[in-house]
Amino acid sequence: MEPLGRDRPAAEAPRREGCRLEVSALLESTTHVAGLGWRLTTEAGPGPVRTRTLYRGRTRIFSELTALRYGLREAVAVCPVLEVRLPDPRAVALLSGGSHPHFARAESSVAGLRPLLSRFRSVRFEGLFEPDPELRHAVGEALDTGLHEAAERQENRALVMERIIERAKEVVLERDATGWVANGRYRVSLDPLRCECPAWTTRWSRAPIAGKRAQRLPCKHLVALAMHEGISVPADLAALARRAPP
């Protein structure tokens, strides 16, 4: 965790009251890949968005509770009083002592959180939280990273390609003087084939083009641009990566 005070190591960070922890998760239910995210806000202001990719997400509530565990571990060192915002009100009900016959695993997760929650002076939960754009974007990126890893297993490729196409429909493309920009963040091009997003660049930066890198699936931004240019057959979209330069 970054220091909260100037020139003060993290271990000596002052304890602050009235902190807020925002939690979000996205789950792809067939591959059980989930993107997790959380952000802690203290009196010093909003902290950085943290993310993880979960490869055994099981359910959306389970994924949210897993993200909550990571967020609580960060908050416990600096926040005796905490407000937690979660998207799913069912998760809030479980955390508040309720039960649900369809969420036995989630109930088990809540039980595992009790020792951590007991270290706070007080914790208040709020449901129906809509994550801010930065947190929502980061969680989506974590999900995309997990989906691309799942696609390395041959039996998942067709399914993951379907999910990438679905997510590509939400991508906003804008044209400027030098080319295309996806979602206001990443420059993307079909000729030469490239995208600046982590799912396309970071994960494959050291892989040889003749090996696994040639078998990768395109990111949602490349798919969005390809569909904009008239490529709509899933097999043709999946084959885009073969055009990537060395």
C-alpha atoms as a PDB file:
ATOM      1  CA  MET A   1       0.000   0.000   0.000  1.00  0.00           C
ATOM      2  CA  GLU A   2       1.258   3.493  -0.766  1.00  0.00           C
ATOM      3  CA  PRO A   3       2.092   5.744   2.239  1.00  0.00           C
ATOM      4  CA  LEU A   4      -0.772   7.967   3.276  1.00  0.00           C
ATOM      5  CA  GLY A   5       1.414  10.627   4.851  1.00  0.00           C
ATOM      6  CA  ARG A   6       4.287  12.561   3.279  1.00  0.00           C
ATOM      7  CA  ASP A   7       7.702  10.970   3.911  1.00  0.00           C
ATOM      8  CA  ARG A   8       6.051   8.454   6.216  1.00  0.00           C
ATOM      9  CA  PRO A   9       6.483   4.685   5.634  1.00  0.00           C
ATOM     10  CA  ALA A  10       3.333   2.637   5.171  1.00  0.00           C
ATOM     11  CA  ALA A  11       3.806   0.891   8.513  1.00  0.00           C
ATOM     12  CA  GLU A  12       3.503   4.260  10.287  1.00  0.00           C
ATOM     13  CA  ALA A  13       0.521   5.562   8.296  1.00  0.00           C
ATOM     14  CA  PRO A  14      -1.941   7.398  10.549  1.00  0.00           C
ATOM     15  CA  ARG A  15      -5.219   5.652  11.288  1.00  0.00           C
ATOM     16  CA  ARG A  16      -8.147   7.556   9.779  1.00  0.00           C
ATOM     17  CA  GLU A  17     -11.852   7.355  10.482  1.00  0.00           C
ATOM     18  CA  GLY A  18     -14.685   7.531   8.003  1.00  0.00           C
ATOM     19  CA  CYS A  19     -13.027   5.536   5.233  1.00  0.00           C
ATOM     20  CA  ARG A  20     -14.983   4.193   2.268  1.00  0.00           C
ATOM     21  CA  LEU A  21     -14.258   0.938   0.437  1.00  0.00           C
ATOM     22  CA  GLU A  22     -15.836   0.454  -3.002  1.00  0.00           C
ATOM     23  CA  VAL A  23     -15.906  -3.088  -4.405  1.00  0.00           C
ATOM     24  CA  SER A  24     -16.832  -4.386  -7.853  1.00  0.00           C
ATOM     25  CA  ALA A  25     -16.641  -7.652  -9.800  1.00  0.00           C
ATOM     26  CA  LEU A  26     -17.538  -8.983 -13.253  1.00  0.00           C
ATOM     27  CA  LEU A  27     -18.014 -12.720 -13.818  1.00  0.00           C
ATOM     28  CA  GLU A  28     -18.110 -14.739 -17.046  1.00  0.00           C
ATOM     29  CA  SER A  29     -20.240 -17.601 -15.782  1.00  0.00           C
ATOM     30  CA  THR A  30     -19.245 -20.359 -18.243  1.00  0.00           C
ATOM     31  CA  THR A  31     -15.459 -20.146 -17.851  1.00  0.00           C
ATOM     32  CA  HIS A  32     -15.851 -18.868 -14.245  1.00  0.00           C
ATOM     33  CA  VAL A  33     -13.328 -16.117 -14.930  1.00  0.00           C
ATOM     34  CA  ALA A  34     -13.918 -12.937 -12.933  1.00  0.00           C
ATOM     35  CA  GLY A  35     -12.407  -9.470 -12.802  1.00  0.00           C
ATOM     36  CA  LEU A  36     -12.169  -8.069  -9.268  1.00  0.00           C
ATOM     37  CA  GLY A  37     -11.614  -4.463  -8.212  1.00  0.00           C
ATOM     38  CA  TRP A  38     -11.657  -2.264  -5.143  1.00  0.00           C
ATOM     39  CA  ARG A  39     -10.772   1.283  -4.128  1.00  0.00           C
ATOM     40  CA  LEU A  40     -10.196   2.703  -0.655  1.00  0.00           C
ATOM     41  CA  THR A  41     -10.970   6.363   0.028  1.00  0.00           C
ATOM     42  CA  THR A  42      -9.617   8.014   3.184  1.00  0.00           C
ATOM     43  CA  GLU A  43      -9.539  11.596   4.432  1.00  0.00           C
ATOM     44  CA  ALA A  44      -6.534  12.036   2.154  1.00  0.00           C
ATOM     45  CA  GLY A  45      -8.738  11.278  -0.860  1.00  0.00           C
ATOM     46  CA  PRO A  46      -9.362   8.324  -3.187  1.00  0.00           C
ATOM     47  CA  GLY A  47      -6.612   5.751  -3.361  1.00  0.00           C
ATOM     48  CA  PRO A  48      -5.592   3.823  -6.481  1.00  0.00           C
ATOM     49  CA  VAL A  49      -7.895   1.249  -8.023  1.00  0.00           C
ATOM     50  CA  ARG A  50      -6.673  -2.272  -7.268  1.00  0.00           C
ATOM     51  CA  THR A  51      -7.574  -5.270  -9.423  1.00  0.00           C
ATOM     52  CA  ARG A  52      -7.129  -9.011  -9.599  1.00  0.00           C
ATOM     53  CA  THR A  53      -8.240 -11.758 -11.944  1.00  0.00           C
ATOM     54  CA  LEU A  54     -10.048 -14.720 -10.373  1.00  0.00           C
ATOM     55  CA  TYR A  55     -10.121 -18.005 -12.280  1.00  0.00           C
ATOM     56  CA  ARG A  56     -12.660 -19.852 -10.120  1.00  0.00           C
ATOM     57  CA  GLY A  57     -15.321 -17.221  -9.633  1.00  0.00           C
ATOM     58  CA  ARG A  58     -18.274 -19.636  -9.207  1.00  0.00           C
ATOM     59  CA  THR A  59     -20.889 -16.875  -8.776  1.00  0.00           C
ATOM     60  CA  ARG A  60     -21.054 -13.092  -8.995  1.00  0.00           C
ATOM     61  CA  ILE A  61     -21.627 -12.786  -5.230  1.00  0.00           C
ATOM     62  CA  PHE A  62     -18.684 -15.076  -4.468  1.00  0.00           C
ATOM     63  CA  SER A  63     -16.514 -12.905  -6.741  1.00  0.00           C
ATOM     64  CA  GLU A  64     -17.646  -9.700  -5.015  1.00  0.00           C
ATOM     65  CA  LEU A  65     -16.899 -11.195  -1.607  1.00  0.00           C
ATOM     66  CA  THR A  66     -13.441 -12.240  -2.784  1.00  0.00           C
ATOM     67  CA  ALA A  67     -12.771  -8.669  -3.946  1.00  0.00           C
ATOM     68  CA  LEU A  68     -14.059  -7.466  -0.581  1.00  0.00           C
ATOM     69  CA  ARG A  69     -11.526  -9.643   1.232  1.00  0.00           C
ATOM     70  CA  TYR A  70      -8.665  -7.981  -0.638  1.00  0.00           C
ATOM     71  CA  GLY A  71     -10.092  -4.538   0.055  1.00  0.00           C
ATOM     72  CA  LEU A  72     -10.561  -5.219   3.763  1.00  0.00           C
ATOM     73  CA  ARG A  73      -6.962  -6.353   4.070  1.00  0.00           C
ATOM     74  CA  GLU A  74      -5.877  -2.995   2.688  1.00  0.00           C
ATOM     75  CA  ALA A  75      -8.304  -0.992   4.816  1.00  0.00           C
ATOM     76  CA  VAL A  76      -7.706  -2.621   8.185  1.00  0.00           C
ATOM     77  CA  ALA A  77      -4.318  -0.941   8.664  1.00  0.00           C
ATOM     78  CA  VAL A  78      -5.680   2.615   8.337  1.00  0.00           C
ATOM     79  CA  CYS A  79      -9.461   2.605   8.866  1.00  0.00           C
ATOM     80  CA  PRO A  80     -11.068   1.740  12.224  1.00  0.00           C
ATOM     81  CA  VAL A  81     -14.444   2.913  10.882  1.00  0.00           C
ATOM     82  CA  LEU A  82     -15.412   1.751   7.410  1.00  0.00           C
ATOM     83  CA  GLU A  83     -18.266   2.107   4.946  1.00  0.00           C
ATOM     84  CA  VAL A  84     -18.355  -0.657   2.322  1.00  0.00           C
ATOM     85  CA  ARG A  85     -20.176  -0.246  -0.988  1.00  0.00           C
ATOM     86  CA  LEU A  86     -21.097  -3.384  -2.928  1.00  0.00           C
ATOM     87  CA  PRO A  87     -23.096  -3.671  -6.170  1.00  0.00           C
ATOM     88  CA  ASP A  88     -25.234  -6.665  -5.145  1.00  0.00           C
ATOM     89  CA  PRO A  89     -27.703  -6.117  -2.266  1.00  0.00           C
ATOM     90  CA  ARG A  90     -27.787  -9.884  -1.702  1.00  0.00           C
ATOM     91  CA  ALA A  91     -24.134  -9.746  -0.686  1.00  0.00           C
ATOM     92  CA  VAL A  92     -25.004  -6.952   1.741  1.00  0.00           C
ATOM     93  CA  ALA A  93     -27.806  -9.097   3.211  1.00  0.00           C
ATOM     94  CA  LEU A  94     -25.414 -12.004   3.768  1.00  0.00           C
ATOM     95  CA  LEU A  95     -22.811  -9.744   5.362  1.00  0.00           C
ATOM     96  CA  SER A  96     -25.495  -8.287   7.624  1.00  0.00           C
ATOM     97  CA  GLY A  97     -26.338 -11.712   9.052  1.00  0.00           C
ATOM     98  CA  GLY A  98     -28.899 -13.008   6.564  1.00  0.00           C
ATOM     99  CA  SER A  99     -28.896 -16.326   4.721  1.00  0.00           C
ATOM    100  CA  HIS A 100     -29.916 -17.542   1.277  1.00  0.00           C
ATOM    101  CA  PRO A 101     -30.510 -21.187   0.227  1.00  0.00           C
ATOM    102  CA  HIS A 102     -28.916 -20.654  -3.203  1.00  0.00           C
ATOM    103  CA  PHE A 103     -25.703 -19.055  -1.939  1.00  0.00           C
ATOM    104  CA  ALA A 104     -24.221 -21.609   0.448  1.00  0.00           C
ATOM    105  CA  ARG A 105     -20.685 -20.990  -0.824  1.00  0.00           C
ATOM    106  CA  ALA A 106     -21.151 -17.244  -0.443  1.00  0.00           C
ATOM    107  CA  GLU A 107     -22.332 -17.787   3.134  1.00  0.00           C
ATOM    108  CA  SER A 108     -19.143 -19.760   3.752  1.00  0.00           C
ATOM    109  CA  SER A 109     -17.113 -16.883   2.317  1.00  0.00           C
ATOM    110  CA  VAL A 110     -18.887 -14.427   4.627  1.00  0.00           C
ATOM    111  CA  ALA A 111     -18.077 -16.648   7.603  1.00  0.00           C
ATOM    112  CA  GLY A 112     -14.432 -16.558   6.558  1.00  0.00           C
ATOM    113  CA  LEU A 113     -14.533 -12.741   6.510  1.00  0.00           C
ATOM    114  CA  ARG A 114     -15.817 -12.422  10.097  1.00  0.00           C
ATOM    115  CA  PRO A 115     -12.376 -12.476  11.798  1.00  0.00           C
ATOM    116  CA  LEU A 116     -11.169  -9.739   9.452  1.00  0.00           C
ATOM    117  CA  LEU A 117     -14.323  -7.653   9.919  1.00  0.00           C
ATOM    118  CA  SER A 118     -13.988  -7.930  13.706  1.00  0.00           C
ATOM    119  CA  ARG A 119     -10.726  -5.947  13.544  1.00  0.00           C
ATOM    120  CA  PHE A 120     -12.654  -2.778  12.630  1.00  0.00           C
ATOM    121  CA  ARG A 121     -14.386  -0.663  15.249  1.00  0.00           C
ATOM    122  CA  SER A 122     -17.446  -0.540  12.997  1.00  0.00           C
ATOM    123  CA  VAL A 123     -18.334  -1.507   9.421  1.00  0.00           C
ATOM    124  CA  ARG A 124     -21.441  -0.386   7.555  1.00  0.00           C
ATOM    125  CA  PHE A 125     -22.536  -1.997   4.292  1.00  0.00           C
ATOM    126  CA  GLU A 126     -24.357  -0.299   1.427  1.00  0.00           C
ATOM    127  CA  GLY A 127     -25.836  -2.153  -1.559  1.00  0.00           C
ATOM    128  CA  LEU A 128     -26.859  -1.224  -5.096  1.00  0.00           C
ATOM    129  CA  PHE A 129     -23.569   0.612  -5.513  1.00  0.00           C
ATOM    130  CA  GLU A 130     -22.773   1.659  -9.087  1.00  0.00           C
ATOM    131  CA  PRO A 131     -18.955   1.703  -9.477  1.00  0.00           C
ATOM    132  CA  ASP A 132     -17.338   4.818 -10.852  1.00  0.00           C
ATOM    133  CA  PRO A 133     -16.049   4.656 -14.460  1.00  0.00           C
ATOM    134  CA  GLU A 134     -12.409   4.158 -13.465  1.00  0.00           C
ATOM    135  CA  LEU A 135     -13.191   1.218 -11.174  1.00  0.00           C
ATOM    136  CA  ARG A 136     -15.607  -0.302 -13.694  1.00  0.00           C
ATOM    137  CA  HIS A 137     -13.032  -0.003 -16.492  1.00  0.00           C
ATOM    138  CA  ALA A 138     -10.279  -1.587 -14.390  1.00  0.00           C
ATOM    139  CA  VAL A 139     -12.496  -4.523 -13.437  1.00  0.00           C
ATOM    140  CA  GLY A 140     -13.347  -5.045 -17.112  1.00  0.00           C
ATOM    141  CA  GLU A 141      -9.639  -5.095 -17.982  1.00  0.00           C
ATOM    142  CA  ALA A 142      -9.005  -7.716 -15.282  1.00  0.00           C
ATOM    143  CA  LEU A 143     -11.829  -9.842 -16.729  1.00  0.00           C
ATOM    144  CA  ASP A 144     -10.447  -9.481 -20.267  1.00  0.00           C
ATOM    145  CA  THR A 145      -7.010 -10.638 -19.083  1.00  0.00           C
ATOM    146  CA  GLY A 146      -8.560 -13.743 -17.559  1.00  0.00           C
ATOM    147  CA  LEU A 147     -10.627 -14.515 -20.648  1.00  0.00           C
ATOM    148  CA  HIS A 148      -7.561 -14.385 -22.876  1.00  0.00           C
ATOM    149  CA  GLU A 149      -5.752 -16.794 -20.587  1.00  0.00           C
ATOM    150  CA  ALA A 150      -8.764 -19.128 -20.623  1.00  0.00           C
ATOM    151  CA  ALA A 151      -8.669 -19.042 -24.424  1.00  0.00           C
ATOM    152  CA  GLU A 152      -5.268 -20.775 -24.376  1.00  0.00           C
ATOM    153  CA  ARG A 153      -7.142 -23.961 -23.500  1.00  0.00           C
ATOM    154  CA  GLN A 154      -8.468 -25.118 -26.857  1.00  0.00           C
ATOM    155  CA  GLU A 155     -11.869 -26.160 -25.543  1.00  0.00           C
ATOM    156  CA  ASN A 156     -12.528 -22.582 -24.421  1.00  0.00           C
ATOM    157  CA  ARG A 157     -11.518 -20.736 -27.579  1.00  0.00           C
ATOM    158  CA  ALA A 158     -14.892 -20.641 -29.339  1.00  0.00           C
ATOM    159  CA  LEU A 159     -16.708 -19.691 -26.140  1.00  0.00           C
ATOM    160  CA  VAL A 160     -14.223 -16.965 -25.215  1.00  0.00           C
ATOM    161  CA  MET A 161     -14.358 -15.577 -28.761  1.00  0.00           C
ATOM    162  CA  GLU A 162     -18.134 -15.235 -28.367  1.00  0.00           C
ATOM    163  CA  ARG A 163     -17.628 -13.311 -25.129  1.00  0.00           C
ATOM    164  CA  ILE A 164     -15.002 -11.046 -26.721  1.00  0.00           C
ATOM    165  CA  ILE A 165     -17.409 -10.244 -29.556  1.00  0.00           C
ATOM    166  CA  GLU A 166     -20.131  -9.410 -27.024  1.00  0.00           C
ATOM    167  CA  ARG A 167     -17.783  -7.118 -25.090  1.00  0.00           C
ATOM    168  CA  ALA A 168     -16.579  -5.529 -28.339  1.00  0.00           C
ATOM    169  CA  LYS A 169     -20.088  -4.196 -28.939  1.00  0.00           C
ATOM    170  CA  GLU A 170     -19.626  -1.914 -25.912  1.00  0.00           C
ATOM    171  CA  VAL A 171     -16.360  -0.422 -27.194  1.00  0.00           C
ATOM    172  CA  VAL A 172     -16.565   3.218 -28.309  1.00  0.00           C
ATOM    173  CA  LEU A 173     -14.363   4.005 -31.339  1.00  0.00           C
ATOM    174  CA  GLU A 174     -13.287   7.551 -32.201  1.00  0.00           C
ATOM    175  CA  ARG A 175     -11.262   8.716 -35.181  1.00  0.00           C
ATOM    176  CA  ASP A 176      -8.599  11.394 -34.865  1.00  0.00           C
ATOM    177  CA  ALA A 177      -5.897  12.755 -37.148  1.00  0.00           C
ATOM    178  CA  THR A 178      -3.630   9.716 -36.736  1.00  0.00           C
ATOM    179  CA  GLY A 179      -6.083   6.812 -36.518  1.00  0.00           C
ATOM    180  CA  TRP A 180      -8.546   5.092 -34.197  1.00  0.00           C
ATOM    181  CA  VAL A 181      -8.849   5.352 -30.408  1.00  0.00           C
ATOM    182  CA  ALA A 182     -10.881   2.805 -28.419  1.00  0.00           C
ATOM    183  CA  ASN A 183     -12.802   3.914 -25.317  1.00  0.00           C
ATOM    184  CA  GLY A 184     -10.809   7.126 -25.224  1.00  0.00           C
ATOM    185  CA  ARG A 185      -7.741   5.218 -23.970  1.00  0.00           C
ATOM    186  CA  TYR A 186      -6.064   2.871 -26.450  1.00  0.00           C
ATOM    187  CA  ARG A 187      -4.820   3.442 -29.975  1.00  0.00           C
ATOM    188  CA  VAL A 188      -5.930   0.550 -32.163  1.00  0.00           C
ATOM    189  CA  SER A 189      -5.190  -0.391 -35.779  1.00  0.00           C
ATOM    190  CA  LEU A 190      -5.870  -3.253 -38.171  1.00  0.00           C
ATOM    191  CA  ASP A 191      -3.014  -2.405 -40.558  1.00  0.00           C
ATOM    192  CA  PRO A 192      -0.611  -2.945 -38.952  1.00  0.00           C
ATOM    193  CA  LEU A 193      -2.497  -4.990 -36.354  1.00  0.00           C
ATOM    194  CA  ARG A 194      -1.942  -3.474 -32.930  1.00  0.00           C
ATOM    195  CA  CYS A 195      -3.678  -2.272 -29.778  1.00  0.00           C
ATOM    196  CA  GLU A 196      -2.243  -0.574 -26.699  1.00  0.00           C
ATOM    197  CA  CYS A 197      -4.504  -2.369 -24.182  1.00  0.00           C
ATOM    198  CA  PRO A 198      -2.964  -4.771 -21.601  1.00  0.00           C
ATOM    199  CA  ALA A 199      -4.877  -7.794 -22.905  1.00  0.00           C
ATOM    200  CA  TRP A 200      -3.109  -7.420 -26.269  1.00  0.00           C
ATOM    201  CA  THR A 201       0.300  -6.057 -25.322  1.00  0.00           C
ATOM    202  CA  THR A 202       1.479  -6.837 -21.782  1.00  0.00           C
ATOM    203  CA  ARG A 203       0.435 -10.468 -21.658  1.00  0.00           C
ATOM    204  CA  TRP A 204       2.084 -11.344 -24.961  1.00  0.00           C
ATOM    205  CA  SER A 205       5.101  -9.019 -25.013  1.00  0.00           C
ATOM    206  CA  ARG A 206       7.643 -11.836 -24.525  1.00  0.00           C
ATOM    207  CA  ALA A 207       5.890 -14.645 -26.386  1.00  0.00           C
ATOM    208  CA  PRO A 208       7.396 -15.651 -29.768  1.00  0.00           C
ATOM    209  CA  ILE A 209       5.175 -14.845 -32.741  1.00  0.00           C
ATOM    210  CA  ALA A 210       5.644 -18.396 -34.080  1.00  0.00           C
ATOM    211  CA  GLY A 211       4.389 -19.983 -30.876  1.00  0.00           C
ATOM    212  CA  LYS A 212       1.500 -19.214 -28.531  1.00  0.00           C
ATOM    213  CA  ARG A 213       1.403 -15.601 -29.626  1.00  0.00           C
ATOM    214  CA  ALA A 214       0.207 -16.631 -33.089  1.00  0.00           C
ATOM    215  CA  GLN A 215      -2.687 -18.544 -31.512  1.00  0.00           C
ATOM    216  CA  ARG A 216      -3.925 -15.734 -29.271  1.00  0.00           C
ATOM    217  CA  LEU A 217      -7.349 -14.237 -29.769  1.00  0.00           C
ATOM    218  CA  PRO A 218      -7.752 -10.541 -30.602  1.00  0.00           C
ATOM    219  CA  CYS A 219      -8.726  -8.132 -27.847  1.00  0.00           C
ATOM    220  CA  LYS A 220     -12.200  -6.591 -27.786  1.00  0.00           C
ATOM    221  CA  HIS A 221     -10.851  -3.295 -29.198  1.00  0.00           C
ATOM    222  CA  LEU A 222      -9.416  -4.992 -32.297  1.00  0.00           C
ATOM    223  CA  VAL A 223     -12.655  -6.936 -32.731  1.00  0.00           C
ATOM    224  CA  ALA A 224     -14.687  -3.731 -32.443  1.00  0.00           C
ATOM    225  CA  LEU A 225     -12.606  -2.062 -35.144  1.00  0.00           C
ATOM    226  CA  ALA A 226     -12.762  -5.135 -37.371  1.00  0.00           C
ATOM    227  CA  MET A 227     -16.562  -5.258 -37.063  1.00  0.00           C
ATOM    228  CA  HIS A 228     -16.664  -1.540 -37.834  1.00  0.00           C
ATOM    229  CA  GLU A 229     -14.697  -2.304 -41.012  1.00  0.00           C
ATOM    230  CA  GLY A 230     -17.175  -5.021 -42.015  1.00  0.00           C
ATOM    231  CA  ILE A 231     -15.589  -8.216 -40.662  1.00  0.00           C
ATOM    232  CA  SER A 232     -18.374 -10.116 -38.897  1.00  0.00           C
ATOM    233  CA  VAL A 233     -17.684 -13.873 -39.186  1.00  0.00           C
ATOM    234  CA  PRO A 234     -16.411 -15.144 -35.784  1.00  0.00           C
ATOM    235  CA  ALA A 235     -13.791 -17.393 -37.419  1.00  0.00           C
ATOM    236  CA  ASP A 236     -12.379 -14.423 -39.356  1.00  0.00           C
ATOM    237  CA  LEU A 237     -12.324 -12.310 -36.208  1.00  0.00           C
ATOM    238  CA  ALA A 238     -10.567 -15.077 -34.273  1.00  0.00           C
ATOM    239  CA  ALA A 239      -7.909 -15.287 -36.997  1.00  0.00           C
ATOM    240  CA  LEU A 240      -6.979 -11.597 -36.776  1.00  0.00           C
ATOM    241  CA  ALA A 241      -3.983 -12.281 -34.526  1.00  0.00           C
ATOM    242  CA  ARG A 242      -2.232 -14.164 -37.302  1.00  0.00           C
ATOM    243  CA  ARG A 243      -1.774 -10.813 -39.021  1.00  0.00           C
ATOM    244  CA  ALA A 244       0.147  -9.363 -36.069  1.00  0.00           C
ATOM    245  CA  PRO A 245       3.671  -8.168 -36.886  1.00  0.00           C
ATOM    246  CA  PRO A 246       6.652  -9.891 -35.204  1.00  0.00           C
END
